[in-house]
Amino acid sequence: MSTTWRRFEVLLPRHLNDGREVPPEVLAGALREILDQFDAASSETQTIEGHWRQSGELYQDVLVRLFVDIPDIAPNRDWMRQFKERWRDRLEQIDLWVVSYAIEVE
């Protein structure tokens, strides 16, 4: 029987909204949390710049991307939703960008 897979990508800020830097060990903690849950996780070391408006105010973010490929089942989706909420609060963000999409693993 084949498994349907889903990739989750999480963009985490390198700075809080007030400008304080997020310590690298905090960001590493997010990766470890995914790793501990799913036995796999990846991150990119390149910097991603995000630009967006909220209520007419322009925001600029410097971000890192974490990603994980996991079986597409309800408990995994629920866990990722809870991860987003925890880390949104922990990093004092208005929102965190988490996307997911179906993938085929050959």
N, C-alpha and C. Protein backbone atom coordinates (compact mmCIF):
# COMPACT_ATOMS: atom_id res chain seq x y z
N MET A 1 0.84 -1.18 0.00
CA MET A 1 0.00 0.00 0.00
C MET A 1 0.89 1.25 0.00
N SER A 2 0.59 2.19 -0.85
CA SER A 2 1.39 3.41 -0.91
C SER A 2 0.89 4.43 0.11
N THR A 3 1.80 5.26 0.55
CA THR A 3 1.49 6.31 1.52
C THR A 3 1.39 7.63 0.79
N THR A 4 0.40 8.41 1.12
CA THR A 4 0.30 9.77 0.61
C THR A 4 1.14 10.65 1.51
N TRP A 5 1.99 11.48 0.91
CA TRP A 5 2.91 12.32 1.66
C TRP A 5 2.54 13.79 1.52
N ARG A 6 2.95 14.57 2.51
CA ARG A 6 2.71 16.00 2.52
C ARG A 6 3.98 16.69 3.02
N ARG A 7 4.37 17.76 2.36
CA ARG A 7 5.50 18.58 2.81
C ARG A 7 4.94 19.80 3.54
N PHE A 8 5.47 20.04 4.72
CA PHE A 8 5.16 21.24 5.48
C PHE A 8 6.40 22.13 5.47
N GLU A 9 6.20 23.40 5.15
CA GLU A 9 7.27 24.38 5.18
C GLU A 9 6.89 25.46 6.18
N VAL A 10 7.83 25.79 7.05
CA VAL A 10 7.60 26.77 8.11
C VAL A 10 8.63 27.88 7.97
N LEU A 11 8.18 29.12 7.90
CA LEU A 11 9.09 30.26 7.89
C LEU A 11 9.15 30.85 9.29
N LEU A 12 10.35 30.87 9.86
CA LEU A 12 10.55 31.41 11.20
C LEU A 12 11.41 32.67 11.12
N PRO A 13 11.05 33.69 11.90
CA PRO A 13 11.80 34.95 11.85
C PRO A 13 13.12 34.86 12.62
N ARG A 14 14.11 35.56 12.11
CA ARG A 14 15.38 35.68 12.82
C ARG A 14 15.33 36.82 13.85
N HIS A 15 14.30 37.67 13.74
CA HIS A 15 14.13 38.78 14.67
C HIS A 15 12.68 38.86 15.12
N LEU A 16 12.49 39.22 16.38
CA LEU A 16 11.14 39.46 16.88
C LEU A 16 10.63 40.78 16.30
N ASN A 17 9.35 41.03 16.43
CA ASN A 17 8.77 42.24 15.85
C ASN A 17 9.37 43.52 16.43
N ASP A 18 9.91 43.46 17.65
CA ASP A 18 10.52 44.65 18.25
C ASP A 18 11.99 44.78 17.90
N GLY A 19 12.50 43.89 17.02
CA GLY A 19 13.88 44.00 16.55
C GLY A 19 14.88 43.11 17.27
N ARG A 20 14.51 42.54 18.41
CA ARG A 20 15.45 41.65 19.11
C ARG A 20 15.73 40.41 18.26
N GLU A 21 17.00 40.00 18.25
CA GLU A 21 17.38 38.81 17.50
C GLU A 21 16.90 37.55 18.21
N VAL A 22 16.41 36.61 17.42
CA VAL A 22 16.04 35.30 17.96
C VAL A 22 17.33 34.49 18.03
N PRO A 23 17.73 34.05 19.22
CA PRO A 23 18.98 33.29 19.33
C PRO A 23 18.94 32.04 18.46
N PRO A 24 20.07 31.71 17.82
CA PRO A 24 20.12 30.52 16.95
C PRO A 24 19.66 29.25 17.67
N GLU A 25 19.94 29.14 18.96
CA GLU A 25 19.53 27.93 19.67
C GLU A 25 18.01 27.83 19.81
N VAL A 26 17.33 28.96 19.79
CA VAL A 26 15.86 28.94 19.83
C VAL A 26 15.32 28.38 18.51
N LEU A 27 15.87 28.87 17.40
CA LEU A 27 15.45 28.36 16.10
C LEU A 27 15.81 26.88 15.96
N ALA A 28 16.97 26.49 16.48
CA ALA A 28 17.35 25.08 16.46
C ALA A 28 16.36 24.25 17.27
N GLY A 29 15.79 24.83 18.32
CA GLY A 29 14.79 24.14 19.12
C GLY A 29 13.54 23.80 18.32
N ALA A 30 13.15 24.70 17.41
CA ALA A 30 11.99 24.41 16.56
C ALA A 30 12.29 23.24 15.65
N LEU A 31 13.48 23.21 15.07
CA LEU A 31 13.86 22.09 14.22
C LEU A 31 13.90 20.79 15.01
N ARG A 32 14.45 20.84 16.21
CA ARG A 32 14.52 19.64 17.05
C ARG A 32 13.13 19.14 17.42
N GLU A 33 12.20 20.06 17.63
CA GLU A 33 10.84 19.65 17.98
C GLU A 33 10.21 18.84 16.85
N ILE A 34 10.40 19.31 15.61
CA ILE A 34 9.89 18.57 14.46
C ILE A 34 10.61 17.24 14.33
N LEU A 35 11.93 17.25 14.50
CA LEU A 35 12.71 16.03 14.43
C LEU A 35 12.26 15.01 15.47
N ASP A 36 12.04 15.47 16.70
CA ASP A 36 11.61 14.57 17.75
C ASP A 36 10.24 13.95 17.46
N GLN A 37 9.38 14.71 16.80
CA GLN A 37 8.04 14.21 16.50
C GLN A 37 8.03 13.26 15.31
N PHE A 38 8.79 13.59 14.25
CA PHE A 38 8.66 12.85 12.99
C PHE A 38 9.93 12.09 12.58
N ASP A 39 10.98 12.17 13.39
CA ASP A 39 12.25 11.50 13.09
C ASP A 39 12.95 12.03 11.85
N ALA A 40 12.57 13.20 11.40
CA ALA A 40 13.23 13.85 10.27
C ALA A 40 12.85 15.33 10.28
N ALA A 41 13.75 16.15 9.79
CA ALA A 41 13.49 17.58 9.62
C ALA A 41 14.64 18.17 8.83
N SER A 42 14.38 19.22 8.09
CA SER A 42 15.41 19.89 7.31
C SER A 42 15.28 21.39 7.49
N SER A 43 16.38 22.08 7.25
CA SER A 43 16.35 23.54 7.28
C SER A 43 17.29 24.08 6.23
N GLU A 44 17.06 25.32 5.85
CA GLU A 44 17.93 25.98 4.89
C GLU A 44 18.73 27.04 5.61
N THR A 45 20.00 27.14 5.26
CA THR A 45 20.86 28.14 5.89
C THR A 45 20.81 29.48 5.17
N GLN A 46 20.28 29.51 3.97
CA GLN A 46 20.17 30.79 3.27
C GLN A 46 19.15 31.67 3.96
N THR A 47 19.29 32.95 3.79
CA THR A 47 18.35 33.90 4.38
C THR A 47 17.23 34.17 3.39
N ILE A 48 16.02 34.18 3.91
CA ILE A 48 14.84 34.49 3.10
C ILE A 48 14.33 35.84 3.59
N GLU A 49 14.09 36.77 2.67
CA GLU A 49 13.54 38.07 3.03
C GLU A 49 12.06 38.08 2.71
N GLY A 50 11.27 38.48 3.68
CA GLY A 50 9.84 38.60 3.48
C GLY A 50 9.40 40.04 3.65
N HIS A 51 8.50 40.49 2.82
CA HIS A 51 7.95 41.85 2.87
C HIS A 51 6.43 41.72 2.82
N TRP A 52 5.74 42.34 3.77
CA TRP A 52 4.28 42.23 3.79
C TRP A 52 3.69 43.42 4.53
N ARG A 53 2.41 43.66 4.25
CA ARG A 53 1.69 44.76 4.90
C ARG A 53 0.61 44.19 5.80
N GLN A 54 0.44 44.84 6.95
CA GLN A 54 -0.63 44.51 7.88
C GLN A 54 -1.21 45.83 8.36
N SER A 55 -2.49 46.03 8.14
CA SER A 55 -3.17 47.26 8.56
C SER A 55 -2.43 48.50 8.07
N GLY A 56 -1.94 48.45 6.82
CA GLY A 56 -1.27 49.59 6.22
C GLY A 56 0.19 49.77 6.61
N GLU A 57 0.69 48.96 7.54
CA GLU A 57 2.09 49.08 7.96
C GLU A 57 2.93 48.04 7.23
N LEU A 58 4.09 48.48 6.73
CA LEU A 58 4.99 47.60 6.01
C LEU A 58 5.92 46.89 6.99
N TYR A 59 6.01 45.57 6.86
CA TYR A 59 6.90 44.76 7.68
C TYR A 59 7.93 44.10 6.78
N GLN A 60 9.12 43.94 7.31
CA GLN A 60 10.18 43.23 6.60
C GLN A 60 10.74 42.20 7.56
N ASP A 61 10.83 40.98 7.09
CA ASP A 61 11.33 39.89 7.91
C ASP A 61 12.56 39.26 7.27
N VAL A 62 13.44 38.79 8.12
CA VAL A 62 14.53 37.92 7.71
C VAL A 62 14.16 36.56 8.31
N LEU A 63 14.07 35.55 7.46
CA LEU A 63 13.47 34.28 7.85
C LEU A 63 14.38 33.10 7.57
N VAL A 64 14.10 32.01 8.25
CA VAL A 64 14.69 30.70 7.93
C VAL A 64 13.53 29.76 7.61
N ARG A 65 13.83 28.76 6.79
CA ARG A 65 12.79 27.82 6.39
C ARG A 65 13.11 26.44 6.94
N LEU A 66 12.14 25.88 7.65
CA LEU A 66 12.20 24.49 8.10
C LEU A 66 11.22 23.71 7.25
N PHE A 67 11.54 22.46 6.96
CA PHE A 67 10.57 21.65 6.24
C PHE A 67 10.69 20.19 6.62
N VAL A 68 9.55 19.50 6.44
CA VAL A 68 9.48 18.09 6.78
C VAL A 68 8.48 17.42 5.84
N ASP A 69 8.81 16.22 5.42
CA ASP A 69 7.93 15.41 4.58
C ASP A 69 7.40 14.27 5.45
N ILE A 70 6.07 14.20 5.59
CA ILE A 70 5.46 13.24 6.50
C ILE A 70 4.21 12.64 5.87
N PRO A 71 3.81 11.48 6.37
CA PRO A 71 2.55 10.91 5.87
C PRO A 71 1.39 11.90 6.07
N ASP A 72 0.55 11.98 5.07
CA ASP A 72 -0.57 12.93 5.07
C ASP A 72 -1.76 12.31 5.81
N ILE A 73 -1.69 12.38 7.13
CA ILE A 73 -2.77 11.85 7.97
C ILE A 73 -3.19 12.93 8.97
N ALA A 74 -4.42 12.83 9.43
CA ALA A 74 -5.00 13.86 10.31
C ALA A 74 -4.14 14.14 11.55
N PRO A 75 -3.63 13.13 12.26
CA PRO A 75 -2.82 13.44 13.45
C PRO A 75 -1.57 14.28 13.13
N ASN A 76 -0.96 14.04 11.98
CA ASN A 76 0.22 14.83 11.60
C ASN A 76 -0.16 16.27 11.27
N ARG A 77 -1.28 16.44 10.57
CA ARG A 77 -1.75 17.81 10.26
C ARG A 77 -2.09 18.55 11.55
N ASP A 78 -2.75 17.87 12.48
CA ASP A 78 -3.10 18.49 13.76
C ASP A 78 -1.84 18.89 14.53
N TRP A 79 -0.84 18.03 14.54
CA TRP A 79 0.39 18.34 15.25
C TRP A 79 1.06 19.57 14.66
N MET A 80 1.08 19.67 13.33
CA MET A 80 1.70 20.84 12.68
C MET A 80 0.91 22.11 12.97
N ARG A 81 -0.41 22.04 13.05
CA ARG A 81 -1.20 23.22 13.42
C ARG A 81 -0.85 23.69 14.83
N GLN A 82 -0.71 22.73 15.74
CA GLN A 82 -0.34 23.07 17.11
C GLN A 82 1.08 23.63 17.18
N PHE A 83 1.99 23.08 16.39
CA PHE A 83 3.35 23.59 16.30
C PHE A 83 3.32 25.06 15.88
N LYS A 84 2.54 25.37 14.85
CA LYS A 84 2.43 26.75 14.38
C LYS A 84 1.97 27.67 15.50
N GLU A 85 0.93 27.27 16.21
CA GLU A 85 0.40 28.11 17.29
C GLU A 85 1.44 28.32 18.39
N ARG A 86 2.12 27.23 18.80
CA ARG A 86 3.14 27.33 19.85
C ARG A 86 4.25 28.29 19.46
N TRP A 87 4.75 28.13 18.25
CA TRP A 87 5.89 28.94 17.83
C TRP A 87 5.48 30.36 17.45
N ARG A 88 4.26 30.55 17.00
CA ARG A 88 3.78 31.92 16.78
C ARG A 88 3.79 32.67 18.10
N ASP A 89 3.29 32.04 19.15
CA ASP A 89 3.27 32.68 20.47
C ASP A 89 4.68 32.83 21.04
N ARG A 90 5.48 31.80 20.93
CA ARG A 90 6.84 31.82 21.48
C ARG A 90 7.69 32.91 20.84
N LEU A 91 7.49 33.13 19.54
CA LEU A 91 8.27 34.14 18.82
C LEU A 91 7.55 35.48 18.72
N GLU A 92 6.45 35.61 19.45
CA GLU A 92 5.71 36.88 19.57
C GLU A 92 5.34 37.45 18.19
N GLN A 93 4.79 36.58 17.34
CA GLN A 93 4.45 36.98 15.98
C GLN A 93 2.95 37.19 15.82
N ILE A 94 2.57 38.03 14.88
CA ILE A 94 1.17 38.18 14.51
C ILE A 94 0.69 36.88 13.88
N ASP A 95 1.54 36.30 13.05
CA ASP A 95 1.24 35.03 12.40
C ASP A 95 2.55 34.39 11.98
N LEU A 96 2.53 33.12 11.74
CA LEU A 96 3.65 32.39 11.13
C LEU A 96 3.14 31.80 9.83
N TRP A 97 3.98 31.84 8.84
CA TRP A 97 3.61 31.30 7.55
C TRP A 97 4.00 29.83 7.51
N VAL A 98 2.99 28.97 7.45
CA VAL A 98 3.19 27.52 7.31
C VAL A 98 2.37 27.10 6.11
N VAL A 99 3.03 26.48 5.15
CA VAL A 99 2.32 25.97 3.98
C VAL A 99 2.52 24.47 3.91
N SER A 100 1.59 23.81 3.28
CA SER A 100 1.75 22.38 3.04
C SER A 100 1.19 22.05 1.68
N TYR A 101 1.74 21.01 1.12
CA TYR A 101 1.26 20.55 -0.18
C TYR A 101 1.59 19.07 -0.34
N ALA A 102 0.77 18.41 -1.13
CA ALA A 102 0.97 16.99 -1.40
C ALA A 102 2.23 16.81 -2.23
N ILE A 103 2.99 15.77 -1.92
CA ILE A 103 4.19 15.46 -2.70
C ILE A 103 4.17 13.98 -3.05
N GLU A 104 4.94 13.63 -4.06
CA GLU A 104 5.15 12.23 -4.42
C GLU A 104 6.59 11.90 -4.11
N VAL A 105 6.79 10.85 -3.32
CA VAL A 105 8.13 10.38 -3.00
C VAL A 105 8.38 9.15 -3.85
N GLU A 106 9.41 9.21 -4.66
CA GLU A 106 9.74 8.10 -5.58
C GLU A 106 10.64 7.11 -4.88
